[in-house]
Amino acid sequence: MKPKVSIIVPTREGIEDIKRMLNSIRRLNLQDKVEVLIIDSNSSASTIQTIKSFGFPTFVQTGNTSKGEARNIGIQKAKADIIVNTDSDVKILEGWYEALLQSMEYCDIVAGYAPDPKDRQLPRVPIFVDGQDITYPCCNIAHKRKVFNDVGLYDVTQNLPEDIEFNYRCVKKGYVLHYNPKMKLYHHQRSTKKGFLKQAFWNGEARYELDNIHPEFKHSHQHGVSAKSMVRLGVGFFGYTLGRYLKSKGENIWKEDDKTGEKDD
């Protein structure tokens, strides 16, 4: 029987995160309702054995891939018409699946709520394009297959946040990015100051890459006036400036934590 939903999970190591995520699916008895694709990038034999011991995930081993590349592999292998992208460090909560299906009755793209286990969400700096916030991340977002058929896959040719770039292309194609807070899961996000600043820096450098690919992106409207958002913007600006400098020198830099195995969050 063809599943209604395929869940794509890029991973490398992080076995405790993976076990928590798979246990949350099993606890909610979703393993018979959804297809779970673990797209693995060179995990150890013990990690692979643990994943396979759960019985229900479809395990796909790749080479040394980024998250964007792993997501594209998963999309191409997924069997369902609803494709969810998430991360290995999440815990799916009761009601998530039902909220997802409810939203998909009337929309093509829906993003869910992804706070940490204490119900705190790392503040985003929204970027508005044609009146829509395109900063919904890939840890809790679903698309109908026809969206990928129409828009294409994630762009992994540059050092950029593939989720924001893809959201941008979706909006430009006329799609609406819906948000359903009842589609909720816990995301074990960056909690250290070092992790926060590192993420902000690379977000800034990636914004430069986005501007290069889509020049009209420079005119998108941003909001964010909290102190934490201002810190993020400041560090991000430094990353943006470095990106321009290295590009002028002919450098092509790739952030290491875009690899699926980097444990900084």
C-alpha atoms as a PDB file:
ATOM      1  CA  MET A   1       0.000   0.000   0.000  1.00  0.00           C
ATOM      2  CA  LYS A   2       1.386   3.387  -0.993  1.00  0.00           C
ATOM      3  CA  PRO A   3       2.068   5.607   2.053  1.00  0.00           C
ATOM      4  CA  LYS A   4       0.419   9.023   2.302  1.00  0.00           C
ATOM      5  CA  VAL A   5       3.527  10.645   3.759  1.00  0.00           C
ATOM      6  CA  SER A   6       7.278  10.205   3.261  1.00  0.00           C
ATOM      7  CA  ILE A   7       9.581  11.636   5.949  1.00  0.00           C
ATOM      8  CA  ILE A   8      13.134  12.403   4.829  1.00  0.00           C
ATOM      9  CA  VAL A   9      15.840  12.478   7.502  1.00  0.00           C
ATOM     10  CA  PRO A  10      19.473  13.274   6.561  1.00  0.00           C
ATOM     11  CA  THR A  11      21.929  12.014   9.119  1.00  0.00           C
ATOM     12  CA  ARG A  12      25.478  11.074  10.020  1.00  0.00           C
ATOM     13  CA  GLU A  13      26.165   9.666  13.470  1.00  0.00           C
ATOM     14  CA  GLY A  14      24.303  11.402  16.323  1.00  0.00           C
ATOM     15  CA  ILE A  15      22.870   8.060  17.376  1.00  0.00           C
ATOM     16  CA  GLU A  16      21.055   9.330  20.480  1.00  0.00           C
ATOM     17  CA  ASP A  17      19.249  11.925  18.366  1.00  0.00           C
ATOM     18  CA  ILE A  18      18.300   9.310  15.784  1.00  0.00           C
ATOM     19  CA  LYS A  19      17.011   6.900  18.422  1.00  0.00           C
ATOM     20  CA  ARG A  20      14.870   9.628  20.006  1.00  0.00           C
ATOM     21  CA  MET A  21      13.398  10.577  16.633  1.00  0.00           C
ATOM     22  CA  LEU A  22      12.628   6.986  15.597  1.00  0.00           C
ATOM     23  CA  ASN A  23      11.224   6.156  19.041  1.00  0.00           C
ATOM     24  CA  SER A  24       8.853   9.129  18.769  1.00  0.00           C
ATOM     25  CA  ILE A  25       7.523   7.737  15.484  1.00  0.00           C
ATOM     26  CA  ARG A  26       7.093   4.279  16.968  1.00  0.00           C
ATOM     27  CA  ARG A  27       5.478   5.604  20.142  1.00  0.00           C
ATOM     28  CA  LEU A  28       2.799   7.318  18.032  1.00  0.00           C
ATOM     29  CA  ASN A  29       2.325   4.180  15.894  1.00  0.00           C
ATOM     30  CA  LEU A  30       3.195   6.100  12.757  1.00  0.00           C
ATOM     31  CA  GLN A  31       5.590   3.508  11.354  1.00  0.00           C
ATOM     32  CA  ASP A  32       2.742   1.792   9.481  1.00  0.00           C
ATOM     33  CA  LYS A  33       1.317   5.084   8.166  1.00  0.00           C
ATOM     34  CA  VAL A  34       4.427   6.858   6.927  1.00  0.00           C
ATOM     35  CA  GLU A  35       7.541   6.033   4.972  1.00  0.00           C
ATOM     36  CA  VAL A  36      10.688   7.069   6.830  1.00  0.00           C
ATOM     37  CA  LEU A  37      13.814   7.485   4.703  1.00  0.00           C
ATOM     38  CA  ILE A  38      17.099   7.777   6.563  1.00  0.00           C
ATOM     39  CA  ILE A  39      19.614   9.269   4.137  1.00  0.00           C
ATOM     40  CA  ASP A  40      22.918   8.473   5.785  1.00  0.00           C
ATOM     41  CA  SER A  41      26.286  10.043   5.058  1.00  0.00           C
ATOM     42  CA  ASN A  42      29.026   7.651   6.160  1.00  0.00           C
ATOM     43  CA  SER A  43      27.869   6.753   9.666  1.00  0.00           C
ATOM     44  CA  SER A  44      29.739   4.117  11.645  1.00  0.00           C
ATOM     45  CA  ALA A  45      28.733   0.463  11.480  1.00  0.00           C
ATOM     46  CA  SER A  46      27.261   0.610  14.993  1.00  0.00           C
ATOM     47  CA  THR A  47      25.090   3.602  14.113  1.00  0.00           C
ATOM     48  CA  ILE A  48      23.845   1.909  10.956  1.00  0.00           C
ATOM     49  CA  GLN A  49      23.082  -1.271  12.877  1.00  0.00           C
ATOM     50  CA  THR A  50      21.078   0.691  15.459  1.00  0.00           C
ATOM     51  CA  ILE A  51      19.025   2.448  12.766  1.00  0.00           C
ATOM     52  CA  LYS A  52      18.278  -0.828  10.995  1.00  0.00           C
ATOM     53  CA  SER A  53      17.286  -2.492  14.265  1.00  0.00           C
ATOM     54  CA  PHE A  54      14.124  -0.366  14.347  1.00  0.00           C
ATOM     55  CA  GLY A  55      12.878  -2.279  11.334  1.00  0.00           C
ATOM     56  CA  PHE A  56      10.744   0.360   9.667  1.00  0.00           C
ATOM     57  CA  PRO A  57      13.070   3.044   8.196  1.00  0.00           C
ATOM     58  CA  THR A  58      14.207   2.761   4.606  1.00  0.00           C
ATOM     59  CA  PHE A  59      17.973   3.136   4.931  1.00  0.00           C
ATOM     60  CA  VAL A  60      19.914   4.801   2.113  1.00  0.00           C
ATOM     61  CA  GLN A  61      23.664   5.184   2.489  1.00  0.00           C
ATOM     62  CA  THR A  62      25.423   7.863   0.459  1.00  0.00           C
ATOM     63  CA  GLY A  63      28.884   9.300   0.241  1.00  0.00           C
ATOM     64  CA  ASN A  64      29.993  12.482   1.997  1.00  0.00           C
ATOM     65  CA  THR A  65      26.904  14.571   1.247  1.00  0.00           C
ATOM     66  CA  SER A  66      25.510  17.831   2.556  1.00  0.00           C
ATOM     67  CA  LYS A  67      22.014  18.000   3.992  1.00  0.00           C
ATOM     68  CA  GLY A  68      20.683  19.520   0.775  1.00  0.00           C
ATOM     69  CA  GLU A  69      22.129  16.700  -1.309  1.00  0.00           C
ATOM     70  CA  ALA A  70      20.733  14.118   1.106  1.00  0.00           C
ATOM     71  CA  ARG A  71      17.276  15.717   0.949  1.00  0.00           C
ATOM     72  CA  ASN A  72      17.340  15.596  -2.850  1.00  0.00           C
ATOM     73  CA  ILE A  73      18.201  11.897  -2.774  1.00  0.00           C
ATOM     74  CA  GLY A  74      15.321  11.303  -0.369  1.00  0.00           C
ATOM     75  CA  ILE A  75      12.844  13.259  -2.511  1.00  0.00           C
ATOM     76  CA  GLN A  76      13.757  11.203  -5.559  1.00  0.00           C
ATOM     77  CA  LYS A  77      13.316   7.924  -3.668  1.00  0.00           C
ATOM     78  CA  ALA A  78      10.169   8.857  -1.713  1.00  0.00           C
ATOM     79  CA  LYS A  79       6.993   6.971  -2.631  1.00  0.00           C
ATOM     80  CA  ALA A  80       4.345   9.257  -1.118  1.00  0.00           C
ATOM     81  CA  ASP A  81       2.701  12.340  -2.587  1.00  0.00           C
ATOM     82  CA  ILE A  82       3.338  14.304   0.645  1.00  0.00           C
ATOM     83  CA  ILE A  83       7.038  14.730   1.401  1.00  0.00           C
ATOM     84  CA  VAL A  84       8.211  15.965   4.795  1.00  0.00           C
ATOM     85  CA  ASN A  85      11.737  17.223   5.394  1.00  0.00           C
ATOM     86  CA  THR A  86      13.031  17.105   8.945  1.00  0.00           C
ATOM     87  CA  ASP A  87      16.251  16.501  10.887  1.00  0.00           C
ATOM     88  CA  SER A  88      17.515  13.638  13.003  1.00  0.00           C
ATOM     89  CA  ASP A  89      17.490  15.757  16.192  1.00  0.00           C
ATOM     90  CA  VAL A  90      13.717  16.122  16.436  1.00  0.00           C
ATOM     91  CA  LYS A  91      11.002  14.438  18.477  1.00  0.00           C
ATOM     92  CA  ILE A  92       7.625  14.166  16.757  1.00  0.00           C
ATOM     93  CA  LEU A  93       4.717  14.961  19.074  1.00  0.00           C
ATOM     94  CA  GLU A  94       1.171  13.726  19.357  1.00  0.00           C
ATOM     95  CA  GLY A  95      -1.111  15.472  16.877  1.00  0.00           C
ATOM     96  CA  TRP A  96       1.698  16.314  14.443  1.00  0.00           C
ATOM     97  CA  TYR A  97       0.611  13.785  11.817  1.00  0.00           C
ATOM     98  CA  GLU A  98      -3.064  14.700  12.033  1.00  0.00           C
ATOM     99  CA  ALA A  99      -2.286  18.431  11.716  1.00  0.00           C
ATOM    100  CA  LEU A 100      -0.074  17.718   8.704  1.00  0.00           C
ATOM    101  CA  LEU A 101      -2.806  15.812   6.867  1.00  0.00           C
ATOM    102  CA  GLN A 102      -5.393  18.438   7.740  1.00  0.00           C
ATOM    103  CA  SER A 103      -3.247  21.215   6.253  1.00  0.00           C
ATOM    104  CA  MET A 104      -2.484  19.192   3.147  1.00  0.00           C
ATOM    105  CA  GLU A 105      -6.180  19.025   2.345  1.00  0.00           C
ATOM    106  CA  TYR A 106      -6.112  22.676   1.279  1.00  0.00           C
ATOM    107  CA  CYS A 107      -2.475  23.658   0.641  1.00  0.00           C
ATOM    108  CA  ASP A 108       0.634  22.474  -1.164  1.00  0.00           C
ATOM    109  CA  ILE A 109       3.266  23.596   1.371  1.00  0.00           C
ATOM    110  CA  VAL A 110       2.985  23.735   5.148  1.00  0.00           C
ATOM    111  CA  ALA A 111       5.571  24.526   7.813  1.00  0.00           C
ATOM    112  CA  GLY A 112       5.102  23.451  11.403  1.00  0.00           C
ATOM    113  CA  TYR A 113       6.120  24.686  14.835  1.00  0.00           C
ATOM    114  CA  ALA A 114       9.557  23.478  15.995  1.00  0.00           C
ATOM    115  CA  PRO A 115      10.510  24.739  19.473  1.00  0.00           C
ATOM    116  CA  ASP A 116      13.070  23.115  21.735  1.00  0.00           C
ATOM    117  CA  PRO A 117      11.900  20.690  24.467  1.00  0.00           C
ATOM    118  CA  LYS A 118      11.277  23.662  26.790  1.00  0.00           C
ATOM    119  CA  ASP A 119       8.919  25.151  24.196  1.00  0.00           C
ATOM    120  CA  ARG A 120      11.389  27.881  23.248  1.00  0.00           C
ATOM    121  CA  GLN A 121      12.046  28.673  19.603  1.00  0.00           C
ATOM    122  CA  LEU A 122      15.304  30.142  18.391  1.00  0.00           C
ATOM    123  CA  PRO A 123      14.228  33.540  17.041  1.00  0.00           C
ATOM    124  CA  ARG A 124      14.425  33.867  13.273  1.00  0.00           C
ATOM    125  CA  VAL A 125      14.970  37.105  11.394  1.00  0.00           C
ATOM    126  CA  PRO A 126      12.082  36.937   8.908  1.00  0.00           C
ATOM    127  CA  ILE A 127      12.766  37.666   5.258  1.00  0.00           C
ATOM    128  CA  PHE A 128       9.672  38.697   3.333  1.00  0.00           C
ATOM    129  CA  VAL A 129       9.324  38.136  -0.407  1.00  0.00           C
ATOM    130  CA  ASP A 130       6.058  39.111  -2.065  1.00  0.00           C
ATOM    131  CA  GLY A 131       4.509  39.405   1.388  1.00  0.00           C
ATOM    132  CA  GLN A 132       5.587  35.929   2.545  1.00  0.00           C
ATOM    133  CA  ASP A 133       8.153  34.935   5.148  1.00  0.00           C
ATOM    134  CA  ILE A 134      10.544  32.545   3.416  1.00  0.00           C
ATOM    135  CA  THR A 135      12.681  31.611   6.439  1.00  0.00           C
ATOM    136  CA  TYR A 136      10.783  28.468   7.464  1.00  0.00           C
ATOM    137  CA  PRO A 137      13.515  25.843   7.993  1.00  0.00           C
ATOM    138  CA  CYS A 138      13.744  22.255   6.781  1.00  0.00           C
ATOM    139  CA  CYS A 139      13.349  20.719  10.233  1.00  0.00           C
ATOM    140  CA  ASN A 140       9.534  20.691   9.954  1.00  0.00           C
ATOM    141  CA  ILE A 141       8.149  21.421   6.508  1.00  0.00           C
ATOM    142  CA  ALA A 142       6.029  19.434   4.058  1.00  0.00           C
ATOM    143  CA  HIS A 143       5.454  19.741   0.325  1.00  0.00           C
ATOM    144  CA  LYS A 144       3.252  17.940  -2.116  1.00  0.00           C
ATOM    145  CA  ARG A 145       5.319  16.124  -4.718  1.00  0.00           C
ATOM    146  CA  LYS A 146       3.991  18.377  -7.452  1.00  0.00           C
ATOM    147  CA  VAL A 147       5.890  21.297  -5.864  1.00  0.00           C
ATOM    148  CA  PHE A 148       9.233  19.591  -6.482  1.00  0.00           C
ATOM    149  CA  ASN A 149       8.106  18.587  -9.965  1.00  0.00           C
ATOM    150  CA  ASP A 150       7.302  22.241 -10.672  1.00  0.00           C
ATOM    151  CA  VAL A 151      10.047  24.108  -8.796  1.00  0.00           C
ATOM    152  CA  GLY A 152      12.856  21.553  -8.880  1.00  0.00           C
ATOM    153  CA  LEU A 153      15.041  20.217  -6.076  1.00  0.00           C
ATOM    154  CA  TYR A 154      17.193  21.963  -3.465  1.00  0.00           C
ATOM    155  CA  ASP A 155      20.087  23.973  -4.894  1.00  0.00           C
ATOM    156  CA  VAL A 156      23.340  22.573  -3.512  1.00  0.00           C
ATOM    157  CA  THR A 157      25.737  24.292  -5.911  1.00  0.00           C
ATOM    158  CA  GLN A 158      26.478  27.159  -3.533  1.00  0.00           C
ATOM    159  CA  ASN A 159      27.220  27.681   0.133  1.00  0.00           C
ATOM    160  CA  LEU A 160      23.685  28.737   0.985  1.00  0.00           C
ATOM    161  CA  PRO A 161      20.703  27.785   3.158  1.00  0.00           C
ATOM    162  CA  GLU A 162      19.003  25.450   0.719  1.00  0.00           C
ATOM    163  CA  ASP A 163      15.677  25.712   2.547  1.00  0.00           C
ATOM    164  CA  ILE A 164      15.406  29.518   2.258  1.00  0.00           C
ATOM    165  CA  GLU A 165      16.514  29.476  -1.378  1.00  0.00           C
ATOM    166  CA  PHE A 166      13.935  26.787  -2.175  1.00  0.00           C
ATOM    167  CA  ASN A 167      11.196  28.690  -0.319  1.00  0.00           C
ATOM    168  CA  TYR A 168      12.112  31.733  -2.396  1.00  0.00           C
ATOM    169  CA  ARG A 169      11.687  29.832  -5.654  1.00  0.00           C
ATOM    170  CA  CYS A 170       8.362  28.410  -4.440  1.00  0.00           C
ATOM    171  CA  VAL A 171       7.008  31.898  -3.719  1.00  0.00           C
ATOM    172  CA  LYS A 172       8.210  33.155  -7.081  1.00  0.00           C
ATOM    173  CA  LYS A 173       6.363  30.249  -8.716  1.00  0.00           C
ATOM    174  CA  GLY A 174       3.165  31.403  -7.022  1.00  0.00           C
ATOM    175  CA  TYR A 175       2.980  28.969  -4.108  1.00  0.00           C
ATOM    176  CA  VAL A 176       1.797  30.027  -0.663  1.00  0.00           C
ATOM    177  CA  LEU A 177       3.841  28.973   2.387  1.00  0.00           C
ATOM    178  CA  HIS A 178       1.281  28.026   5.023  1.00  0.00           C
ATOM    179  CA  TYR A 179       2.054  27.705   8.731  1.00  0.00           C
ATOM    180  CA  ASN A 180       0.307  25.351  11.148  1.00  0.00           C
ATOM    181  CA  PRO A 181       1.437  25.630  14.808  1.00  0.00           C
ATOM    182  CA  LYS A 182      -0.437  22.389  15.615  1.00  0.00           C
ATOM    183  CA  MET A 183       2.032  20.549  13.372  1.00  0.00           C
ATOM    184  CA  LYS A 184       4.447  20.556  16.280  1.00  0.00           C
ATOM    185  CA  LEU A 185       7.654  18.711  17.055  1.00  0.00           C
ATOM    186  CA  TYR A 186      10.554  19.341  19.381  1.00  0.00           C
ATOM    187  CA  HIS A 187      13.811  20.381  17.766  1.00  0.00           C
ATOM    188  CA  HIS A 188      17.009  20.126  19.785  1.00  0.00           C
ATOM    189  CA  GLN A 189      18.451  23.373  18.458  1.00  0.00           C
ATOM    190  CA  ARG A 190      21.693  25.192  19.121  1.00  0.00           C
ATOM    191  CA  SER A 191      21.777  26.184  22.754  1.00  0.00           C
ATOM    192  CA  THR A 192      25.349  27.440  23.220  1.00  0.00           C
ATOM    193  CA  LYS A 193      26.533  30.985  22.525  1.00  0.00           C
ATOM    194  CA  LYS A 194      29.228  29.573  20.275  1.00  0.00           C
ATOM    195  CA  GLY A 195      26.680  27.611  18.263  1.00  0.00           C
ATOM    196  CA  PHE A 196      24.382  30.621  17.970  1.00  0.00           C
ATOM    197  CA  LEU A 197      27.152  32.921  16.739  1.00  0.00           C
ATOM    198  CA  LYS A 198      28.537  30.290  14.384  1.00  0.00           C
ATOM    199  CA  GLN A 199      25.113  29.803  12.837  1.00  0.00           C
ATOM    200  CA  ALA A 200      24.588  33.568  12.507  1.00  0.00           C
ATOM    201  CA  PHE A 201      27.983  33.992  10.828  1.00  0.00           C
ATOM    202  CA  TRP A 202      27.340  31.320   8.208  1.00  0.00           C
ATOM    203  CA  ASN A 203      23.813  32.593   7.648  1.00  0.00           C
ATOM    204  CA  GLY A 204      25.356  35.952   6.745  1.00  0.00           C
ATOM    205  CA  GLU A 205      27.865  34.401   4.351  1.00  0.00           C
ATOM    206  CA  ALA A 206      25.079  32.314   2.810  1.00  0.00           C
ATOM    207  CA  ARG A 207      22.975  35.455   2.331  1.00  0.00           C
ATOM    208  CA  TYR A 208      25.742  36.802   0.105  1.00  0.00           C
ATOM    209  CA  GLU A 209      25.546  33.628  -2.002  1.00  0.00           C
ATOM    210  CA  LEU A 210      21.764  34.035  -2.230  1.00  0.00           C
ATOM    211  CA  ASP A 211      22.168  37.600  -3.461  1.00  0.00           C
ATOM    212  CA  ASN A 212      24.535  36.361  -6.168  1.00  0.00           C
ATOM    213  CA  ILE A 213      22.124  33.698  -7.422  1.00  0.00           C
ATOM    214  CA  HIS A 214      18.998  35.860  -7.140  1.00  0.00           C
ATOM    215  CA  PRO A 215      19.961  39.580  -7.416  1.00  0.00           C
ATOM    216  CA  GLU A 216      16.376  40.633  -6.710  1.00  0.00           C
ATOM    217  CA  PHE A 217      16.761  38.984  -3.285  1.00  0.00           C
ATOM    218  CA  LYS A 218      18.703  42.065  -2.147  1.00  0.00           C
ATOM    219  CA  HIS A 219      15.451  44.019  -2.060  1.00  0.00           C
ATOM    220  CA  SER A 220      13.595  41.539   0.143  1.00  0.00           C
ATOM    221  CA  HIS A 221      12.239  43.019   3.366  1.00  0.00           C
ATOM    222  CA  GLN A 222      13.553  41.923   6.754  1.00  0.00           C
ATOM    223  CA  HIS A 223      12.165  42.398  10.232  1.00  0.00           C
ATOM    224  CA  GLY A 224      13.809  41.753  13.573  1.00  0.00           C
ATOM    225  CA  VAL A 225      14.338  44.253  16.345  1.00  0.00           C
ATOM    226  CA  SER A 226      15.011  42.078  19.406  1.00  0.00           C
ATOM    227  CA  ALA A 227      18.470  42.231  20.982  1.00  0.00           C
ATOM    228  CA  LYS A 228      19.167  38.643  19.999  1.00  0.00           C
ATOM    229  CA  SER A 229      18.112  39.333  16.433  1.00  0.00           C
ATOM    230  CA  MET A 230      20.389  42.375  16.299  1.00  0.00           C
ATOM    231  CA  VAL A 231      23.334  40.258  17.480  1.00  0.00           C
ATOM    232  CA  ARG A 232      22.527  37.689  14.838  1.00  0.00           C
ATOM    233  CA  LEU A 233      22.299  40.367  12.156  1.00  0.00           C
ATOM    234  CA  GLY A 234      25.612  41.890  13.266  1.00  0.00           C
ATOM    235  CA  VAL A 235      27.493  38.600  13.160  1.00  0.00           C
ATOM    236  CA  GLY A 236      25.691  37.721   9.957  1.00  0.00           C
ATOM    237  CA  PHE A 237      26.887  40.953   8.375  1.00  0.00           C
ATOM    238  CA  PHE A 238      30.469  39.944   9.196  1.00  0.00           C
ATOM    239  CA  GLY A 239      29.855  36.612   7.440  1.00  0.00           C
ATOM    240  CA  TYR A 240      28.335  38.439   4.476  1.00  0.00           C
ATOM    241  CA  THR A 241      31.381  40.709   4.220  1.00  0.00           C
ATOM    242  CA  LEU A 242      33.796  37.783   4.451  1.00  0.00           C
ATOM    243  CA  GLY A 243      31.845  35.971   1.753  1.00  0.00           C
ATOM    244  CA  ARG A 244      32.246  38.945  -0.609  1.00  0.00           C
ATOM    245  CA  TYR A 245      35.962  39.192   0.165  1.00  0.00           C
ATOM    246  CA  LEU A 246      36.673  35.504  -0.402  1.00  0.00           C
ATOM    247  CA  LYS A 247      34.594  35.508  -3.567  1.00  0.00           C
ATOM    248  CA  SER A 248      36.642  38.415  -4.901  1.00  0.00           C
ATOM    249  CA  LYS A 249      39.772  36.332  -4.251  1.00  0.00           C
ATOM    250  CA  GLY A 250      38.331  33.400  -6.182  1.00  0.00           C
ATOM    251  CA  GLU A 251      37.668  31.278  -3.120  1.00  0.00           C
ATOM    252  CA  ASN A 252      34.753  28.841  -2.971  1.00  0.00           C
ATOM    253  CA  ILE A 253      34.114  28.155   0.691  1.00  0.00           C
ATOM    254  CA  TRP A 254      31.763  25.547   2.051  1.00  0.00           C
ATOM    255  CA  LYS A 255      30.640  25.585   5.639  1.00  0.00           C
ATOM    256  CA  GLU A 256      31.583  22.406   7.446  1.00  0.00           C
ATOM    257  CA  ASP A 257      28.414  22.272   9.560  1.00  0.00           C
ATOM    258  CA  ASP A 258      26.327  21.893   6.398  1.00  0.00           C
ATOM    259  CA  LYS A 259      27.563  18.323   6.400  1.00  0.00           C
ATOM    260  CA  THR A 260      25.007  16.027   7.953  1.00  0.00           C
ATOM    261  CA  GLY A 261      27.338  14.806  10.654  1.00  0.00           C
ATOM    262  CA  GLU A 262      28.451  18.071  12.210  1.00  0.00           C
ATOM    263  CA  LYS A 263      27.310  18.102  15.831  1.00  0.00           C
ATOM    264  CA  ASP A 264      26.902  21.735  16.691  1.00  0.00           C
ATOM    265  CA  ASP A 265      23.155  21.637  17.259  1.00  0.00           C
END
